[in-house]
């Protein structure tokens, strides 16, 4: 259900979530209005207001913690992507100091891995998975680097590059782990049920003008919908309109092309605009 929503245009998702919350608020007022009438005293509104204030404070704390946690996970995913791409760029610079044929073999291997991340792994991350093709491309990088016996004049560059490749492995695993970190269903239940209770509290207050009452509760529903909309859009870092961009890998690939320009590279460039 959540994945289906994330695949829709962001404006449509906003209308559905925020507008649906506003409509829910109006329906709650219409359903409960017969229970609240002019016979209710000022004391009634005072009691309802106290309950609404306490529930609203508790809900605000819960929602704030959820937003902070989800945004932190999203930010961490962006950081892992940027670090991995930067590390690959550093590897490419060190490999540029290798002699031939080692340089060409290493350049082709890391370039193939970068292309596989862009073309194969990025769609898989949206489904909270890694790509088998990308795993094989990374394994091939180590098969290329492993048998090399660097001479003293390029051994330092080799050692640094090999160490950075180990960092790439760790960063890739962290990136994949972050793609598997949506909000558990229980959190969505707490968020939606808590918001609905707030609307019920507000609907139980008495306002002489019925239209004003409906508008007030609908506006509160819209505010709750905005919170749900934000959490929904950033809950899965690699899916939806608001998602982690693969631009860092695209830029790393450009750097690799500049360091090792060969005629056949153009045939393997990823097609389509970067996300």
C-alpha atoms as a PDB file:
ATOM      1  CA  UNK A   1       0.000   0.000   0.000  1.00  0.00           C
ATOM      2  CA  UNK A   2       2.720   2.490   0.999  1.00  0.00           C
ATOM      3  CA  UNK A   3       4.873   1.520  -1.993  1.00  0.00           C
ATOM      4  CA  UNK A   4       1.920   2.067  -4.310  1.00  0.00           C
ATOM      5  CA  UNK A   5       1.462   5.567  -2.885  1.00  0.00           C
ATOM      6  CA  UNK A   6       5.163   6.370  -3.270  1.00  0.00           C
ATOM      7  CA  UNK A   7       5.019   5.433  -6.950  1.00  0.00           C
ATOM      8  CA  UNK A   8       2.379   8.108  -7.583  1.00  0.00           C
ATOM      9  CA  UNK A   9       3.277  11.750  -8.448  1.00  0.00           C
ATOM     10  CA  UNK A  10       4.124  13.696  -5.303  1.00  0.00           C
ATOM     11  CA  UNK A  11       1.360  16.267  -5.866  1.00  0.00           C
ATOM     12  CA  UNK A  12      -1.235  13.519  -6.135  1.00  0.00           C
ATOM     13  CA  UNK A  13       0.077  11.863  -2.967  1.00  0.00           C
ATOM     14  CA  UNK A  14      -0.135  15.217  -1.174  1.00  0.00           C
ATOM     15  CA  UNK A  15      -3.728  15.723  -2.259  1.00  0.00           C
ATOM     16  CA  UNK A  16      -4.699  12.191  -1.225  1.00  0.00           C
ATOM     17  CA  UNK A  17      -3.017  12.246   2.192  1.00  0.00           C
ATOM     18  CA  UNK A  18      -3.598  15.856   3.241  1.00  0.00           C
ATOM     19  CA  UNK A  19      -7.001  16.162   1.582  1.00  0.00           C
ATOM     20  CA  UNK A  20      -8.072  12.774   2.913  1.00  0.00           C
ATOM     21  CA  UNK A  21      -7.118  13.833   6.444  1.00  0.00           C
ATOM     22  CA  UNK A  22      -9.155  17.026   6.084  1.00  0.00           C
ATOM     23  CA  UNK A  23     -12.173  15.052   4.865  1.00  0.00           C
ATOM     24  CA  UNK A  24     -11.760  12.628   7.773  1.00  0.00           C
ATOM     25  CA  UNK A  25     -11.895  15.564  10.181  1.00  0.00           C
ATOM     26  CA  UNK A  26     -15.099  16.865   8.574  1.00  0.00           C
ATOM     27  CA  UNK A  27     -16.734  13.429   8.708  1.00  0.00           C
ATOM     28  CA  UNK A  28     -15.872  13.053  12.386  1.00  0.00           C
ATOM     29  CA  UNK A  29     -17.556  16.391  13.151  1.00  0.00           C
ATOM     30  CA  UNK A  30     -20.660  15.401  11.193  1.00  0.00           C
ATOM     31  CA  UNK A  31     -20.826  12.050  12.998  1.00  0.00           C
ATOM     32  CA  UNK A  32     -20.309  13.425  16.501  1.00  0.00           C
ATOM     33  CA  UNK A  33     -22.124  16.759  16.184  1.00  0.00           C
ATOM     34  CA  UNK A  34     -25.481  15.294  17.316  1.00  0.00           C
ATOM     35  CA  UNK A  35     -23.832  14.316  20.614  1.00  0.00           C
ATOM     36  CA  UNK A  36     -22.714  17.884  21.283  1.00  0.00           C
ATOM     37  CA  UNK A  37     -25.240  20.727  21.368  1.00  0.00           C
ATOM     38  CA  UNK A  38     -26.169  24.062  22.937  1.00  0.00           C
ATOM     39  CA  UNK A  39     -26.956  22.307  26.197  1.00  0.00           C
ATOM     40  CA  UNK A  40     -23.232  21.774  26.728  1.00  0.00           C
ATOM     41  CA  UNK A  41     -21.816  24.240  29.214  1.00  0.00           C
ATOM     42  CA  UNK A  42     -18.657  26.287  29.141  1.00  0.00           C
ATOM     43  CA  UNK A  43     -17.236  23.733  31.558  1.00  0.00           C
ATOM     44  CA  UNK A  44     -17.655  21.068  28.887  1.00  0.00           C
ATOM     45  CA  UNK A  45     -15.386  22.922  26.444  1.00  0.00           C
ATOM     46  CA  UNK A  46     -12.863  23.505  29.226  1.00  0.00           C
ATOM     47  CA  UNK A  47     -12.644  19.785  29.994  1.00  0.00           C
ATOM     48  CA  UNK A  48     -12.413  18.877  26.309  1.00  0.00           C
ATOM     49  CA  UNK A  49      -9.750  21.554  25.834  1.00  0.00           C
ATOM     50  CA  UNK A  50      -7.628  20.163  28.664  1.00  0.00           C
ATOM     51  CA  UNK A  51      -7.833  16.662  27.211  1.00  0.00           C
ATOM     52  CA  UNK A  52      -7.055  17.934  23.733  1.00  0.00           C
ATOM     53  CA  UNK A  53      -4.042  19.868  25.028  1.00  0.00           C
ATOM     54  CA  UNK A  54      -2.610  16.827  26.824  1.00  0.00           C
ATOM     55  CA  UNK A  55      -3.227  14.476  23.881  1.00  0.00           C
ATOM     56  CA  UNK A  56      -1.896  17.050  21.431  1.00  0.00           C
ATOM     57  CA  UNK A  57       1.323  17.467  23.396  1.00  0.00           C
ATOM     58  CA  UNK A  58       1.892  13.714  23.574  1.00  0.00           C
ATOM     59  CA  UNK A  59       1.134  13.331  19.867  1.00  0.00           C
ATOM     60  CA  UNK A  60       3.513  16.167  18.991  1.00  0.00           C
ATOM     61  CA  UNK A  61       6.332  14.467  20.886  1.00  0.00           C
ATOM     62  CA  UNK A  62       5.715  11.125  19.161  1.00  0.00           C
ATOM     63  CA  UNK A  63       5.401  12.710  15.709  1.00  0.00           C
ATOM     64  CA  UNK A  64       8.515  14.822  16.273  1.00  0.00           C
ATOM     65  CA  UNK A  65      10.571  11.771  17.266  1.00  0.00           C
ATOM     66  CA  UNK A  66       9.340   9.878  14.208  1.00  0.00           C
ATOM     67  CA  UNK A  67      10.144  12.752  11.852  1.00  0.00           C
ATOM     68  CA  UNK A  68      13.594  13.141  13.392  1.00  0.00           C
ATOM     69  CA  UNK A  69      14.328   9.409  13.160  1.00  0.00           C
ATOM     70  CA  UNK A  70      13.117   9.043   9.571  1.00  0.00           C
ATOM     71  CA  UNK A  71      14.913  12.169   8.381  1.00  0.00           C
ATOM     72  CA  UNK A  72      18.126  11.031  10.111  1.00  0.00           C
ATOM     73  CA  UNK A  73      17.931   7.707   8.251  1.00  0.00           C
ATOM     74  CA  UNK A  74      17.324   9.545   4.968  1.00  0.00           C
ATOM     75  CA  UNK A  75      20.270  11.861   5.627  1.00  0.00           C
ATOM     76  CA  UNK A  76      22.485   8.904   6.533  1.00  0.00           C
ATOM     77  CA  UNK A  77      21.578   7.172   3.251  1.00  0.00           C
ATOM     78  CA  UNK A  78      22.547  10.319   1.329  1.00  0.00           C
ATOM     79  CA  UNK A  79      25.818  10.418   3.231  1.00  0.00           C
ATOM     80  CA  UNK A  80      26.675   6.801   2.419  1.00  0.00           C
ATOM     81  CA  UNK A  81      25.997   7.417  -1.279  1.00  0.00           C
ATOM     82  CA  UNK A  82      28.200  10.524  -1.329  1.00  0.00           C
ATOM     83  CA  UNK A  83      30.995   8.742   0.567  1.00  0.00           C
ATOM     84  CA  UNK A  84      30.933   5.698  -1.672  1.00  0.00           C
ATOM     85  CA  UNK A  85      31.027   7.771  -4.856  1.00  0.00           C
ATOM     86  CA  UNK A  86      33.817   9.962  -3.450  1.00  0.00           C
ATOM     87  CA  UNK A  87      35.815   6.876  -2.482  1.00  0.00           C
ATOM     88  CA  UNK A  88      35.432   5.438  -5.977  1.00  0.00           C
ATOM     89  CA  UNK A  89      36.671   8.736  -7.416  1.00  0.00           C
ATOM     90  CA  UNK A  90      39.705   8.556  -5.139  1.00  0.00           C
ATOM     91  CA  UNK A  91      40.358   4.981  -6.265  1.00  0.00           C
ATOM     92  CA  UNK A  92      40.226   6.146  -9.880  1.00  0.00           C
ATOM     93  CA  UNK A  93      42.827   8.839  -9.179  1.00  0.00           C
ATOM     94  CA  UNK A  94      45.169   6.348  -7.516  1.00  0.00           C
ATOM     95  CA  UNK A  95      44.672   3.797 -10.293  1.00  0.00           C
ATOM     96  CA  UNK A  96      45.666   6.471 -12.793  1.00  0.00           C
ATOM     97  CA  UNK A  97      49.211   6.155 -11.403  1.00  0.00           C
ATOM     98  CA  UNK A  98      49.379   2.410 -12.169  1.00  0.00           C
ATOM     99  CA  UNK A  99      51.464   1.272 -15.158  1.00  0.00           C
ATOM    100  CA  UNK A 100      49.891  -0.497 -18.085  1.00  0.00           C
ATOM    101  CA  UNK A 101      48.297  -3.032 -18.406  1.00  0.00           C
ATOM    102  CA  UNK A 102      47.317  -2.892 -14.722  1.00  0.00           C
ATOM    103  CA  UNK A 103      45.926   0.627 -15.068  1.00  0.00           C
ATOM    104  CA  UNK A 104      43.504  -0.219 -17.856  1.00  0.00           C
ATOM    105  CA  UNK A 105      42.326  -3.413 -16.147  1.00  0.00           C
ATOM    106  CA  UNK A 106      41.685  -1.592 -12.861  1.00  0.00           C
ATOM    107  CA  UNK A 107      40.014   1.396 -14.544  1.00  0.00           C
ATOM    108  CA  UNK A 108      37.652  -0.850 -16.487  1.00  0.00           C
ATOM    109  CA  UNK A 109      36.752  -2.837 -13.366  1.00  0.00           C
ATOM    110  CA  UNK A 110      35.884   0.126 -11.154  1.00  0.00           C
ATOM    111  CA  UNK A 111      34.074   1.801 -14.024  1.00  0.00           C
ATOM    112  CA  UNK A 112      31.985  -1.323 -14.630  1.00  0.00           C
ATOM    113  CA  UNK A 113      31.063  -1.391 -10.939  1.00  0.00           C
ATOM    114  CA  UNK A 114      30.030   2.272 -10.976  1.00  0.00           C
ATOM    115  CA  UNK A 115      27.862   1.753 -14.063  1.00  0.00           C
ATOM    116  CA  UNK A 116      26.239  -1.283 -12.435  1.00  0.00           C
ATOM    117  CA  UNK A 117      25.400   0.754  -9.329  1.00  0.00           C
ATOM    118  CA  UNK A 118      23.676   3.350 -11.524  1.00  0.00           C
ATOM    119  CA  UNK A 119      21.872   1.015 -13.917  1.00  0.00           C
ATOM    120  CA  UNK A 120      21.296  -2.175 -11.900  1.00  0.00           C
ATOM    121  CA  UNK A 121      21.438  -1.446  -8.196  1.00  0.00           C
ATOM    122  CA  UNK A 122      19.511   1.820  -8.079  1.00  0.00           C
ATOM    123  CA  UNK A 123      16.225   0.252  -9.272  1.00  0.00           C
ATOM    124  CA  UNK A 124      16.829  -2.657  -6.870  1.00  0.00           C
ATOM    125  CA  UNK A 125      17.290  -0.274  -3.918  1.00  0.00           C
ATOM    126  CA  UNK A 126      13.755   1.019  -4.494  1.00  0.00           C
ATOM    127  CA  UNK A 127      12.611  -2.536  -3.684  1.00  0.00           C
ATOM    128  CA  UNK A 128      14.884  -2.630  -0.609  1.00  0.00           C
ATOM    129  CA  UNK A 129      17.370  -5.006  -2.239  1.00  0.00           C
ATOM    130  CA  UNK A 130      20.892  -5.057  -3.609  1.00  0.00           C
ATOM    131  CA  UNK A 131      21.721  -6.115  -7.153  1.00  0.00           C
ATOM    132  CA  UNK A 132      23.363  -9.445  -7.944  1.00  0.00           C
ATOM    133  CA  UNK A 133      24.926  -7.876 -11.059  1.00  0.00           C
ATOM    134  CA  UNK A 134      26.489  -5.146  -8.935  1.00  0.00           C
ATOM    135  CA  UNK A 135      27.759  -7.724  -6.439  1.00  0.00           C
ATOM    136  CA  UNK A 136      29.459  -9.582  -9.287  1.00  0.00           C
ATOM    137  CA  UNK A 137      30.954  -6.342 -10.619  1.00  0.00           C
ATOM    138  CA  UNK A 138      32.402  -5.565  -7.185  1.00  0.00           C
ATOM    139  CA  UNK A 139      33.798  -9.080  -6.866  1.00  0.00           C
ATOM    140  CA  UNK A 140      35.438  -8.637 -10.255  1.00  0.00           C
ATOM    141  CA  UNK A 141      37.178  -5.481  -9.008  1.00  0.00           C
ATOM    142  CA  UNK A 142      38.881  -7.521  -6.295  1.00  0.00           C
ATOM    143  CA  UNK A 143      39.717 -10.298  -8.780  1.00  0.00           C
ATOM    144  CA  UNK A 144      41.512  -7.677 -10.860  1.00  0.00           C
ATOM    145  CA  UNK A 145      43.319  -6.004  -7.953  1.00  0.00           C
ATOM    146  CA  UNK A 146      44.164  -9.163  -6.002  1.00  0.00           C
ATOM    147  CA  UNK A 147      46.844 -10.734  -8.253  1.00  0.00           C
ATOM    148  CA  UNK A 148      48.666  -7.429  -8.842  1.00  0.00           C
ATOM    149  CA  UNK A 149      52.247  -7.242  -7.578  1.00  0.00           C
ATOM    150  CA  UNK A 150      53.030  -3.534  -7.418  1.00  0.00           C
ATOM    151  CA  UNK A 151      56.540  -2.252  -7.971  1.00  0.00           C
ATOM    152  CA  UNK A 152      58.004   0.216  -5.440  1.00  0.00           C
ATOM    153  CA  UNK A 153      57.180   3.228  -7.627  1.00  0.00           C
ATOM    154  CA  UNK A 154      53.397   2.569  -7.472  1.00  0.00           C
ATOM    155  CA  UNK A 155      53.010   0.379  -4.396  1.00  0.00           C
ATOM    156  CA  UNK A 156      51.775   3.297  -2.265  1.00  0.00           C
ATOM    157  CA  UNK A 157      49.010   4.124  -4.719  1.00  0.00           C
ATOM    158  CA  UNK A 158      48.067   0.447  -4.890  1.00  0.00           C
ATOM    159  CA  UNK A 159      47.879   0.106  -1.102  1.00  0.00           C
ATOM    160  CA  UNK A 160      45.710   3.211  -0.766  1.00  0.00           C
ATOM    161  CA  UNK A 161      43.415   2.130  -3.616  1.00  0.00           C
ATOM    162  CA  UNK A 162      43.005  -1.374  -2.204  1.00  0.00           C
ATOM    163  CA  UNK A 163      42.172   0.017   1.230  1.00  0.00           C
ATOM    164  CA  UNK A 164      39.601   2.337  -0.316  1.00  0.00           C
ATOM    165  CA  UNK A 165      38.003  -0.600  -2.105  1.00  0.00           C
ATOM    166  CA  UNK A 166      37.451  -2.236   1.275  1.00  0.00           C
ATOM    167  CA  UNK A 167      35.731   0.993   2.331  1.00  0.00           C
ATOM    168  CA  UNK A 168      33.524   0.773  -0.776  1.00  0.00           C
ATOM    169  CA  UNK A 169      32.356  -2.679   0.338  1.00  0.00           C
ATOM    170  CA  UNK A 170      31.359  -1.345   3.770  1.00  0.00           C
ATOM    171  CA  UNK A 171      29.654   1.730   2.342  1.00  0.00           C
ATOM    172  CA  UNK A 172      27.699  -0.365  -0.152  1.00  0.00           C
ATOM    173  CA  UNK A 173      26.442  -2.635   2.622  1.00  0.00           C
ATOM    174  CA  UNK A 174      25.422   0.407   4.671  1.00  0.00           C
ATOM    175  CA  UNK A 175      23.626   1.861   1.630  1.00  0.00           C
ATOM    176  CA  UNK A 176      21.678  -1.361   1.095  1.00  0.00           C
ATOM    177  CA  UNK A 177      20.832  -1.616   4.800  1.00  0.00           C
ATOM    178  CA  UNK A 178      19.433   1.920   4.726  1.00  0.00           C
ATOM    179  CA  UNK A 179      17.159   1.011   1.833  1.00  0.00           C
ATOM    180  CA  UNK A 180      15.573  -1.595   4.127  1.00  0.00           C
ATOM    181  CA  UNK A 181      14.599   0.838   6.872  1.00  0.00           C
ATOM    182  CA  UNK A 182      11.013   2.000   6.289  1.00  0.00           C
ATOM    183  CA  UNK A 183       8.800   2.796   9.263  1.00  0.00           C
ATOM    184  CA  UNK A 184       7.396  -0.395  10.837  1.00  0.00           C
ATOM    185  CA  UNK A 185       3.597  -0.766  10.476  1.00  0.00           C
ATOM    186  CA  UNK A 186       3.102  -0.259  14.230  1.00  0.00           C
ATOM    187  CA  UNK A 187       4.475   3.294  13.897  1.00  0.00           C
ATOM    188  CA  UNK A 188       1.993   4.109  11.160  1.00  0.00           C
ATOM    189  CA  UNK A 189      -0.787   2.694  13.330  1.00  0.00           C
ATOM    190  CA  UNK A 190       0.244   4.903  16.253  1.00  0.00           C
ATOM    191  CA  UNK A 191       0.538   7.958  14.022  1.00  0.00           C
ATOM    192  CA  UNK A 192      -2.826   7.538  12.308  1.00  0.00           C
ATOM    193  CA  UNK A 193      -4.783   6.355  15.352  1.00  0.00           C
ATOM    194  CA  UNK A 194      -3.291   9.118  17.513  1.00  0.00           C
ATOM    195  CA  UNK A 195      -4.181  11.753  14.941  1.00  0.00           C
ATOM    196  CA  UNK A 196      -7.712  10.415  14.661  1.00  0.00           C
ATOM    197  CA  UNK A 197      -8.146  10.631  18.447  1.00  0.00           C
ATOM    198  CA  UNK A 198      -7.039  14.267  18.351  1.00  0.00           C
ATOM    199  CA  UNK A 199      -9.711  14.997  15.747  1.00  0.00           C
ATOM    200  CA  UNK A 200     -12.314  13.233  17.898  1.00  0.00           C
ATOM    201  CA  UNK A 201     -11.301  15.370  20.885  1.00  0.00           C
ATOM    202  CA  UNK A 202     -11.663  18.537  18.840  1.00  0.00           C
ATOM    203  CA  UNK A 203     -14.986  17.377  17.386  1.00  0.00           C
ATOM    204  CA  UNK A 204     -16.396  16.936  20.893  1.00  0.00           C
ATOM    205  CA  UNK A 205     -15.963  20.636  21.634  1.00  0.00           C
ATOM    206  CA  UNK A 206     -18.996  22.815  20.995  1.00  0.00           C
ATOM    207  CA  UNK A 207     -19.083  25.664  18.481  1.00  0.00           C
ATOM    208  CA  UNK A 208     -22.412  27.324  17.739  1.00  0.00           C
ATOM    209  CA  UNK A 209     -21.593  27.760  14.043  1.00  0.00           C
ATOM    210  CA  UNK A 210     -21.482  24.260  12.580  1.00  0.00           C
ATOM    211  CA  UNK A 211     -19.554  25.328   9.484  1.00  0.00           C
ATOM    212  CA  UNK A 212     -16.823  26.907  11.586  1.00  0.00           C
ATOM    213  CA  UNK A 213     -16.634  23.696  13.625  1.00  0.00           C
ATOM    214  CA  UNK A 214     -16.204  21.596  10.475  1.00  0.00           C
ATOM    215  CA  UNK A 215     -13.573  23.944   9.053  1.00  0.00           C
ATOM    216  CA  UNK A 216     -11.597  24.003  12.325  1.00  0.00           C
ATOM    217  CA  UNK A 217     -11.446  20.204  12.621  1.00  0.00           C
ATOM    218  CA  UNK A 218     -10.692  19.854   8.890  1.00  0.00           C
ATOM    219  CA  UNK A 219      -7.759  22.245   9.206  1.00  0.00           C
ATOM    220  CA  UNK A 220      -6.426  20.225  12.133  1.00  0.00           C
ATOM    221  CA  UNK A 221      -6.825  17.107   9.994  1.00  0.00           C
ATOM    222  CA  UNK A 222      -4.830  18.809   7.225  1.00  0.00           C
ATOM    223  CA  UNK A 223      -2.002  19.569   9.665  1.00  0.00           C
ATOM    224  CA  UNK A 224      -1.890  15.942  10.742  1.00  0.00           C
ATOM    225  CA  UNK A 225      -1.977  14.930   7.084  1.00  0.00           C
ATOM    226  CA  UNK A 226       1.058  17.117   6.383  1.00  0.00           C
ATOM    227  CA  UNK A 227       3.027  15.215   9.048  1.00  0.00           C
ATOM    228  CA  UNK A 228       1.963  11.869   7.578  1.00  0.00           C
ATOM    229  CA  UNK A 229       2.782  13.086   4.058  1.00  0.00           C
ATOM    230  CA  UNK A 230       6.299  14.141   5.075  1.00  0.00           C
ATOM    231  CA  UNK A 231       6.987  10.845   6.842  1.00  0.00           C
ATOM    232  CA  UNK A 232       5.621   8.854   3.906  1.00  0.00           C
ATOM    233  CA  UNK A 233       7.771  10.611   1.319  1.00  0.00           C
ATOM    234  CA  UNK A 234      11.073  10.224   3.202  1.00  0.00           C
ATOM    235  CA  UNK A 235      10.417   6.891   4.938  1.00  0.00           C
ATOM    236  CA  UNK A 236      12.054   4.952   2.084  1.00  0.00           C
ATOM    237  CA  UNK A 237      15.273   6.745   1.021  1.00  0.00           C
ATOM    238  CA  UNK A 238      15.488   5.184  -2.444  1.00  0.00           C
ATOM    239  CA  UNK A 239      11.840   5.226  -3.492  1.00  0.00           C
ATOM    240  CA  UNK A 240       9.369   7.974  -4.278  1.00  0.00           C
ATOM    241  CA  UNK A 241       9.614  11.525  -5.552  1.00  0.00           C
ATOM    242  CA  UNK A 242      11.788  12.566  -2.607  1.00  0.00           C
ATOM    243  CA  UNK A 243      14.628  10.055  -2.745  1.00  0.00           C
ATOM    244  CA  UNK A 244      18.394   9.876  -2.490  1.00  0.00           C
ATOM    245  CA  UNK A 245      19.979  10.938  -5.771  1.00  0.00           C
ATOM    246  CA  UNK A 246      22.466   8.856  -7.733  1.00  0.00           C
ATOM    247  CA  UNK A 247      24.119  12.051  -9.003  1.00  0.00           C
ATOM    248  CA  UNK A 248      27.320  11.411  -6.969  1.00  0.00           C
ATOM    249  CA  UNK A 249      27.899   8.184  -8.920  1.00  0.00           C
ATOM    250  CA  UNK A 250      27.158   9.964 -12.195  1.00  0.00           C
ATOM    251  CA  UNK A 251      29.799  12.554 -11.324  1.00  0.00           C
ATOM    252  CA  UNK A 252      32.258   9.842 -10.307  1.00  0.00           C
ATOM    253  CA  UNK A 253      31.730   8.199 -13.692  1.00  0.00           C
ATOM    254  CA  UNK A 254      32.493  11.478 -15.461  1.00  0.00           C
ATOM    255  CA  UNK A 255      35.760  11.732 -13.528  1.00  0.00           C
ATOM    256  CA  UNK A 256      36.664   8.171 -14.506  1.00  0.00           C
ATOM    257  CA  UNK A 257      36.046   9.009 -18.159  1.00  0.00           C
ATOM    258  CA  UNK A 258      38.330  12.029 -17.914  1.00  0.00           C
ATOM    259  CA  UNK A 259      41.075   9.957 -16.327  1.00  0.00           C
ATOM    260  CA  UNK A 260      40.749   7.141 -18.840  1.00  0.00           C
ATOM    261  CA  UNK A 261      39.130   8.453 -22.037  1.00  0.00           C
ATOM    262  CA  UNK A 262      38.668   5.629 -24.516  1.00  0.00           C
ATOM    263  CA  UNK A 263      36.386   5.508 -27.568  1.00  0.00           C
ATOM    264  CA  UNK A 264      34.259   2.623 -26.317  1.00  0.00           C
ATOM    265  CA  UNK A 265      33.256   4.354 -23.069  1.00  0.00           C
ATOM    266  CA  UNK A 266      30.462   6.320 -24.707  1.00  0.00           C
ATOM    267  CA  UNK A 267      28.698   3.045 -25.553  1.00  0.00           C
ATOM    268  CA  UNK A 268      28.330   2.179 -21.872  1.00  0.00           C
ATOM    269  CA  UNK A 269      27.110   5.441 -20.412  1.00  0.00           C
ATOM    270  CA  UNK A 270      23.855   5.240 -18.454  1.00  0.00           C
ATOM    271  CA  UNK A 271      20.910   6.470 -20.454  1.00  0.00           C
ATOM    272  CA  UNK A 272      18.374   8.921 -19.060  1.00  0.00           C
ATOM    273  CA  UNK A 273      18.481  11.883 -16.703  1.00  0.00           C
ATOM    274  CA  UNK A 274      20.093  11.370 -13.296  1.00  0.00           C
ATOM    275  CA  UNK A 275      17.812  11.172 -10.234  1.00  0.00           C
END
